Amino acid sequence: MYNGETDADHAVLVSAAAGTVRDEEATLTTLFGLYPSVGEVRAVDAGPLGGVAACGDGRDGRYHVTMCAWVDRISAGIVAFVSPKKRLVDRGKELVGIRSEVEFPIPGLPANQ
């Protein structure tokens, strides 16, 4: 269970998949396109595992959602922070921490691959 800077009224949802990614930017755009209620998408640091990353904000009924996603050559993932209150926390930094908990470099692949 991840419990970075979140508190009791938050849910943090993580979903990721491994596979070959030919175009990181296009895949990131596609991921956010699956969630039309998430806007204000902005680039964030992908962290030491490399690739590209972004976060966007939205609202689903009574809940505020910040969705962050990363894509690299071998994986793609989404982290959604859901809360009844809007938070001003930089979720991009939390994305890097969560990603480092769920994604591990593959032995034999060069760094940032």
N, C-alpha and C. Protein backbone atom coordinates (compact mmCIF):
# COMPACT_ATOMS: atom_id res chain seq x y z
N MET A 1 0.84 -1.17 0.00
CA MET A 1 0.00 0.00 0.00
C MET A 1 0.89 1.24 0.00
N TYR A 2 0.58 2.20 -0.82
CA TYR A 2 1.35 3.44 -0.89
C TYR A 2 0.69 4.49 0.00
N ASN A 3 1.49 5.16 0.81
CA ASN A 3 0.95 6.20 1.69
C ASN A 3 1.93 7.35 1.81
N GLY A 4 2.36 7.95 0.69
CA GLY A 4 3.30 9.06 0.68
C GLY A 4 2.75 10.25 1.42
N GLU A 5 2.42 11.32 0.73
CA GLU A 5 1.90 12.53 1.36
C GLU A 5 0.37 12.54 1.40
N THR A 6 -0.24 11.39 1.23
CA THR A 6 -1.70 11.33 1.25
C THR A 6 -2.20 11.22 2.68
N ASP A 7 -3.47 11.48 2.88
CA ASP A 7 -4.06 11.29 4.19
C ASP A 7 -5.30 10.41 4.06
N ALA A 8 -6.01 10.22 5.15
CA ALA A 8 -7.05 9.20 5.23
C ALA A 8 -8.17 9.34 4.19
N ASP A 9 -8.47 10.55 3.71
CA ASP A 9 -9.59 10.69 2.79
C ASP A 9 -9.16 10.57 1.32
N HIS A 10 -7.98 10.10 1.08
CA HIS A 10 -7.47 9.92 -0.28
C HIS A 10 -7.48 8.45 -0.68
N ALA A 11 -7.66 8.22 -1.96
CA ALA A 11 -7.40 6.91 -2.53
C ALA A 11 -6.31 7.10 -3.57
N VAL A 12 -5.37 6.18 -3.62
CA VAL A 12 -4.31 6.21 -4.61
C VAL A 12 -4.41 4.92 -5.41
N LEU A 13 -4.71 5.06 -6.70
CA LEU A 13 -4.90 3.90 -7.57
C LEU A 13 -3.71 3.81 -8.52
N VAL A 14 -3.15 2.62 -8.67
CA VAL A 14 -1.99 2.42 -9.53
C VAL A 14 -2.30 1.30 -10.51
N SER A 15 -1.99 1.55 -11.78
CA SER A 15 -2.15 0.54 -12.82
C SER A 15 -0.99 0.68 -13.79
N ALA A 16 -0.36 -0.44 -14.13
CA ALA A 16 0.78 -0.40 -15.04
C ALA A 16 0.86 -1.68 -15.85
N ALA A 17 1.55 -1.59 -16.97
CA ALA A 17 1.74 -2.76 -17.83
C ALA A 17 3.13 -2.70 -18.45
N ALA A 18 3.68 -3.86 -18.74
CA ALA A 18 4.98 -3.95 -19.39
C ALA A 18 4.80 -4.41 -20.83
N GLY A 19 5.66 -3.95 -21.69
CA GLY A 19 5.61 -4.33 -23.10
C GLY A 19 6.50 -3.39 -23.90
N THR A 20 6.52 -3.55 -25.18
CA THR A 20 7.34 -2.71 -26.04
C THR A 20 6.57 -1.45 -26.41
N VAL A 21 7.20 -0.30 -26.20
CA VAL A 21 6.61 0.98 -26.55
C VAL A 21 7.47 1.61 -27.64
N ARG A 22 6.88 1.86 -28.77
CA ARG A 22 7.63 2.44 -29.89
C ARG A 22 7.69 3.97 -29.83
N ASP A 23 6.63 4.61 -29.37
CA ASP A 23 6.56 6.07 -29.33
C ASP A 23 6.04 6.50 -27.97
N GLU A 24 6.96 6.89 -27.09
CA GLU A 24 6.60 7.23 -25.72
C GLU A 24 5.61 8.40 -25.65
N GLU A 25 5.88 9.47 -26.38
CA GLU A 25 5.00 10.65 -26.34
C GLU A 25 3.59 10.32 -26.83
N ALA A 26 3.50 9.59 -27.94
CA ALA A 26 2.18 9.24 -28.48
C ALA A 26 1.41 8.34 -27.51
N THR A 27 2.12 7.43 -26.86
CA THR A 27 1.46 6.55 -25.90
C THR A 27 0.97 7.33 -24.69
N LEU A 28 1.76 8.30 -24.22
CA LEU A 28 1.33 9.15 -23.11
C LEU A 28 0.08 9.95 -23.48
N THR A 29 0.07 10.50 -24.68
CA THR A 29 -1.10 11.24 -25.17
C THR A 29 -2.32 10.32 -25.22
N THR A 30 -2.14 9.10 -25.69
CA THR A 30 -3.24 8.13 -25.76
C THR A 30 -3.79 7.82 -24.38
N LEU A 31 -2.89 7.63 -23.40
CA LEU A 31 -3.35 7.34 -22.03
C LEU A 31 -4.25 8.45 -21.50
N PHE A 32 -3.83 9.70 -21.66
CA PHE A 32 -4.66 10.80 -21.17
C PHE A 32 -5.93 10.95 -22.00
N GLY A 33 -5.90 10.57 -23.26
CA GLY A 33 -7.09 10.61 -24.10
C GLY A 33 -8.18 9.66 -23.64
N LEU A 34 -7.80 8.63 -22.88
CA LEU A 34 -8.77 7.68 -22.34
C LEU A 34 -9.59 8.27 -21.20
N TYR A 35 -9.13 9.41 -20.68
CA TYR A 35 -9.78 10.05 -19.53
C TYR A 35 -10.11 11.50 -19.88
N PRO A 36 -11.19 11.73 -20.63
CA PRO A 36 -11.50 13.08 -21.10
C PRO A 36 -11.83 14.07 -19.98
N SER A 37 -12.16 13.60 -18.79
CA SER A 37 -12.45 14.53 -17.70
C SER A 37 -11.18 15.06 -17.04
N VAL A 38 -10.02 14.53 -17.44
CA VAL A 38 -8.74 15.01 -16.91
C VAL A 38 -8.16 16.01 -17.90
N GLY A 39 -7.95 17.23 -17.43
CA GLY A 39 -7.40 18.29 -18.27
C GLY A 39 -6.19 18.91 -17.62
N GLU A 40 -5.80 20.07 -18.13
CA GLU A 40 -4.64 20.78 -17.59
C GLU A 40 -3.43 19.86 -17.51
N VAL A 41 -3.24 19.02 -18.53
CA VAL A 41 -2.13 18.07 -18.52
C VAL A 41 -0.82 18.82 -18.72
N ARG A 42 0.14 18.51 -17.85
CA ARG A 42 1.44 19.17 -17.91
C ARG A 42 2.55 18.13 -17.74
N ALA A 43 3.66 18.36 -18.41
CA ALA A 43 4.82 17.48 -18.30
C ALA A 43 5.41 17.56 -16.90
N VAL A 44 5.84 16.42 -16.38
CA VAL A 44 6.55 16.36 -15.10
C VAL A 44 7.78 15.49 -15.28
N ASP A 45 8.66 15.53 -14.31
CA ASP A 45 9.88 14.73 -14.35
C ASP A 45 9.53 13.25 -14.24
N ALA A 46 10.07 12.44 -15.14
CA ALA A 46 9.80 11.00 -15.12
C ALA A 46 10.66 10.28 -14.09
N GLY A 47 11.67 10.93 -13.56
CA GLY A 47 12.52 10.32 -12.54
C GLY A 47 13.65 9.51 -13.13
N PRO A 48 14.38 8.81 -12.26
CA PRO A 48 15.59 8.09 -12.69
C PRO A 48 15.34 6.90 -13.62
N LEU A 49 14.10 6.42 -13.71
CA LEU A 49 13.81 5.30 -14.60
C LEU A 49 13.60 5.77 -16.04
N GLY A 50 13.57 7.08 -16.26
CA GLY A 50 13.51 7.63 -17.62
C GLY A 50 12.13 7.61 -18.24
N GLY A 51 12.10 7.90 -19.53
CA GLY A 51 10.84 7.97 -20.26
C GLY A 51 10.24 9.37 -20.18
N VAL A 52 8.94 9.43 -20.34
CA VAL A 52 8.20 10.69 -20.28
C VAL A 52 7.09 10.54 -19.24
N ALA A 53 6.67 11.68 -18.67
CA ALA A 53 5.61 11.63 -17.66
C ALA A 53 4.83 12.94 -17.71
N ALA A 54 3.59 12.87 -17.24
CA ALA A 54 2.73 14.05 -17.18
C ALA A 54 1.69 13.84 -16.09
N CYS A 55 1.10 14.95 -15.64
CA CYS A 55 0.00 14.91 -14.68
C CYS A 55 -1.10 15.85 -15.17
N GLY A 56 -2.34 15.51 -14.84
CA GLY A 56 -3.48 16.34 -15.18
C GLY A 56 -4.49 16.30 -14.06
N ASP A 57 -5.38 17.28 -14.05
CA ASP A 57 -6.38 17.39 -13.00
C ASP A 57 -7.78 17.30 -13.58
N GLY A 58 -8.69 16.79 -12.78
CA GLY A 58 -10.08 16.71 -13.21
C GLY A 58 -10.99 16.52 -12.03
N ARG A 59 -12.23 16.34 -12.35
CA ARG A 59 -13.23 16.13 -11.32
C ARG A 59 -14.22 15.09 -11.83
N ASP A 60 -14.57 14.17 -10.97
CA ASP A 60 -15.53 13.13 -11.30
C ASP A 60 -16.63 13.19 -10.25
N GLY A 61 -17.70 13.90 -10.57
CA GLY A 61 -18.76 14.07 -9.58
C GLY A 61 -18.26 14.87 -8.40
N ARG A 62 -18.29 14.28 -7.23
CA ARG A 62 -17.85 15.01 -6.03
C ARG A 62 -16.37 14.83 -5.71
N TYR A 63 -15.65 14.07 -6.52
CA TYR A 63 -14.25 13.80 -6.25
C TYR A 63 -13.31 14.57 -7.16
N HIS A 64 -12.21 15.05 -6.58
CA HIS A 64 -11.13 15.66 -7.34
C HIS A 64 -10.13 14.56 -7.68
N VAL A 65 -9.64 14.59 -8.90
CA VAL A 65 -8.70 13.57 -9.37
C VAL A 65 -7.48 14.26 -9.95
N THR A 66 -6.31 13.82 -9.51
CA THR A 66 -5.08 14.17 -10.20
C THR A 66 -4.54 12.86 -10.75
N MET A 67 -4.39 12.80 -12.05
CA MET A 67 -3.89 11.60 -12.70
C MET A 67 -2.50 11.88 -13.24
N CYS A 68 -1.57 11.03 -12.90
CA CYS A 68 -0.22 11.11 -13.43
C CYS A 68 0.06 9.82 -14.18
N ALA A 69 0.87 9.92 -15.22
CA ALA A 69 1.21 8.74 -16.01
C ALA A 69 2.66 8.83 -16.46
N TRP A 70 3.26 7.66 -16.64
CA TRP A 70 4.59 7.58 -17.22
C TRP A 70 4.58 6.58 -18.36
N VAL A 71 5.50 6.77 -19.28
CA VAL A 71 5.71 5.82 -20.37
C VAL A 71 7.21 5.79 -20.65
N ASP A 72 7.76 4.57 -20.75
CA ASP A 72 9.14 4.42 -21.21
C ASP A 72 9.15 3.32 -22.26
N ARG A 73 10.31 2.88 -22.68
CA ARG A 73 10.39 1.92 -23.79
C ARG A 73 9.79 0.56 -23.46
N ILE A 74 9.64 0.25 -22.17
CA ILE A 74 9.17 -1.09 -21.79
C ILE A 74 7.97 -1.10 -20.85
N SER A 75 7.42 0.09 -20.52
CA SER A 75 6.28 0.09 -19.61
C SER A 75 5.46 1.36 -19.74
N ALA A 76 4.25 1.29 -19.22
CA ALA A 76 3.37 2.45 -19.12
C ALA A 76 2.56 2.28 -17.86
N GLY A 77 2.31 3.37 -17.16
CA GLY A 77 1.55 3.27 -15.94
C GLY A 77 0.81 4.55 -15.61
N ILE A 78 -0.22 4.39 -14.79
CA ILE A 78 -1.06 5.50 -14.35
C ILE A 78 -1.16 5.44 -12.83
N VAL A 79 -1.06 6.62 -12.20
CA VAL A 79 -1.30 6.76 -10.77
C VAL A 79 -2.38 7.83 -10.63
N ALA A 80 -3.50 7.47 -10.03
CA ALA A 80 -4.60 8.41 -9.84
C ALA A 80 -4.77 8.70 -8.35
N PHE A 81 -4.77 9.98 -8.01
CA PHE A 81 -4.98 10.44 -6.65
C PHE A 81 -6.42 10.97 -6.59
N VAL A 82 -7.25 10.37 -5.76
CA VAL A 82 -8.67 10.72 -5.70
C VAL A 82 -8.99 11.21 -4.29
N SER A 83 -9.68 12.34 -4.20
CA SER A 83 -10.01 12.92 -2.91
C SER A 83 -11.27 13.77 -3.01
N PRO A 84 -12.04 13.86 -1.93
CA PRO A 84 -13.20 14.75 -1.94
C PRO A 84 -12.79 16.23 -1.88
N LYS A 85 -11.53 16.51 -1.53
CA LYS A 85 -11.03 17.88 -1.45
C LYS A 85 -9.90 18.08 -2.46
N LYS A 86 -9.84 19.25 -3.06
CA LYS A 86 -8.75 19.55 -3.98
C LYS A 86 -7.48 19.77 -3.17
N ARG A 87 -6.41 19.14 -3.60
CA ARG A 87 -5.11 19.26 -2.92
C ARG A 87 -4.15 20.03 -3.81
N LEU A 88 -3.28 20.80 -3.20
CA LEU A 88 -2.29 21.57 -3.95
C LEU A 88 -0.91 20.93 -3.89
N VAL A 89 -0.85 19.66 -3.54
CA VAL A 89 0.40 18.93 -3.46
C VAL A 89 0.91 18.64 -4.87
N ASP A 90 2.23 18.70 -5.04
CA ASP A 90 2.84 18.38 -6.33
C ASP A 90 2.84 16.86 -6.51
N ARG A 91 1.87 16.35 -7.23
CA ARG A 91 1.74 14.91 -7.41
C ARG A 91 2.81 14.34 -8.34
N GLY A 92 3.44 15.18 -9.15
CA GLY A 92 4.53 14.71 -10.00
C GLY A 92 5.66 14.11 -9.19
N LYS A 93 5.97 14.72 -8.06
CA LYS A 93 7.03 14.18 -7.19
C LYS A 93 6.59 12.84 -6.60
N GLU A 94 5.33 12.74 -6.23
CA GLU A 94 4.84 11.47 -5.70
C GLU A 94 4.83 10.38 -6.76
N LEU A 95 4.57 10.76 -8.02
CA LEU A 95 4.61 9.79 -9.12
C LEU A 95 5.96 9.10 -9.15
N VAL A 96 7.04 9.86 -9.06
CA VAL A 96 8.39 9.29 -9.11
C VAL A 96 8.58 8.29 -7.97
N GLY A 97 8.12 8.64 -6.77
CA GLY A 97 8.25 7.73 -5.63
C GLY A 97 7.45 6.45 -5.80
N ILE A 98 6.23 6.59 -6.25
CA ILE A 98 5.37 5.41 -6.46
C ILE A 98 5.94 4.55 -7.58
N ARG A 99 6.34 5.17 -8.66
CA ARG A 99 6.90 4.41 -9.78
C ARG A 99 8.12 3.61 -9.34
N SER A 100 8.96 4.19 -8.50
CA SER A 100 10.15 3.46 -8.05
C SER A 100 9.80 2.26 -7.17
N GLU A 101 8.60 2.26 -6.62
CA GLU A 101 8.14 1.12 -5.81
C GLU A 101 7.56 0.00 -6.66
N VAL A 102 7.05 0.32 -7.84
CA VAL A 102 6.35 -0.69 -8.64
C VAL A 102 7.08 -1.10 -9.90
N GLU A 103 8.08 -0.33 -10.32
CA GLU A 103 8.81 -0.65 -11.56
C GLU A 103 10.28 -0.85 -11.23
N PHE A 104 10.85 -1.91 -11.78
CA PHE A 104 12.25 -2.20 -11.55
C PHE A 104 12.95 -2.37 -12.87
N PRO A 105 14.20 -1.88 -12.97
CA PRO A 105 14.96 -2.06 -14.21
C PRO A 105 15.15 -3.54 -14.52
N ILE A 106 15.15 -3.86 -15.79
CA ILE A 106 15.37 -5.24 -16.21
C ILE A 106 16.87 -5.48 -16.34
N PRO A 107 17.40 -6.51 -15.67
CA PRO A 107 18.85 -6.78 -15.76
C PRO A 107 19.26 -6.98 -17.22
N GLY A 108 20.37 -6.37 -17.59
CA GLY A 108 20.87 -6.49 -18.95
C GLY A 108 20.46 -5.37 -19.88
N LEU A 109 19.40 -4.62 -19.51
CA LEU A 109 19.00 -3.46 -20.32
C LEU A 109 19.83 -2.26 -19.89
N PRO A 110 20.24 -1.41 -20.83
CA PRO A 110 20.95 -0.19 -20.43
C PRO A 110 20.07 0.67 -19.54
N ALA A 111 20.69 1.51 -18.72
CA ALA A 111 19.96 2.42 -17.84
C ALA A 111 19.00 3.28 -18.63
N ASN A 112 17.90 3.69 -18.01
CA ASN A 112 16.85 4.52 -18.61
C ASN A 112 16.17 3.85 -19.79
N GLN A 113 16.06 2.55 -19.79
CA GLN A 113 15.40 1.84 -20.88
C GLN A 113 14.14 1.19 -20.37
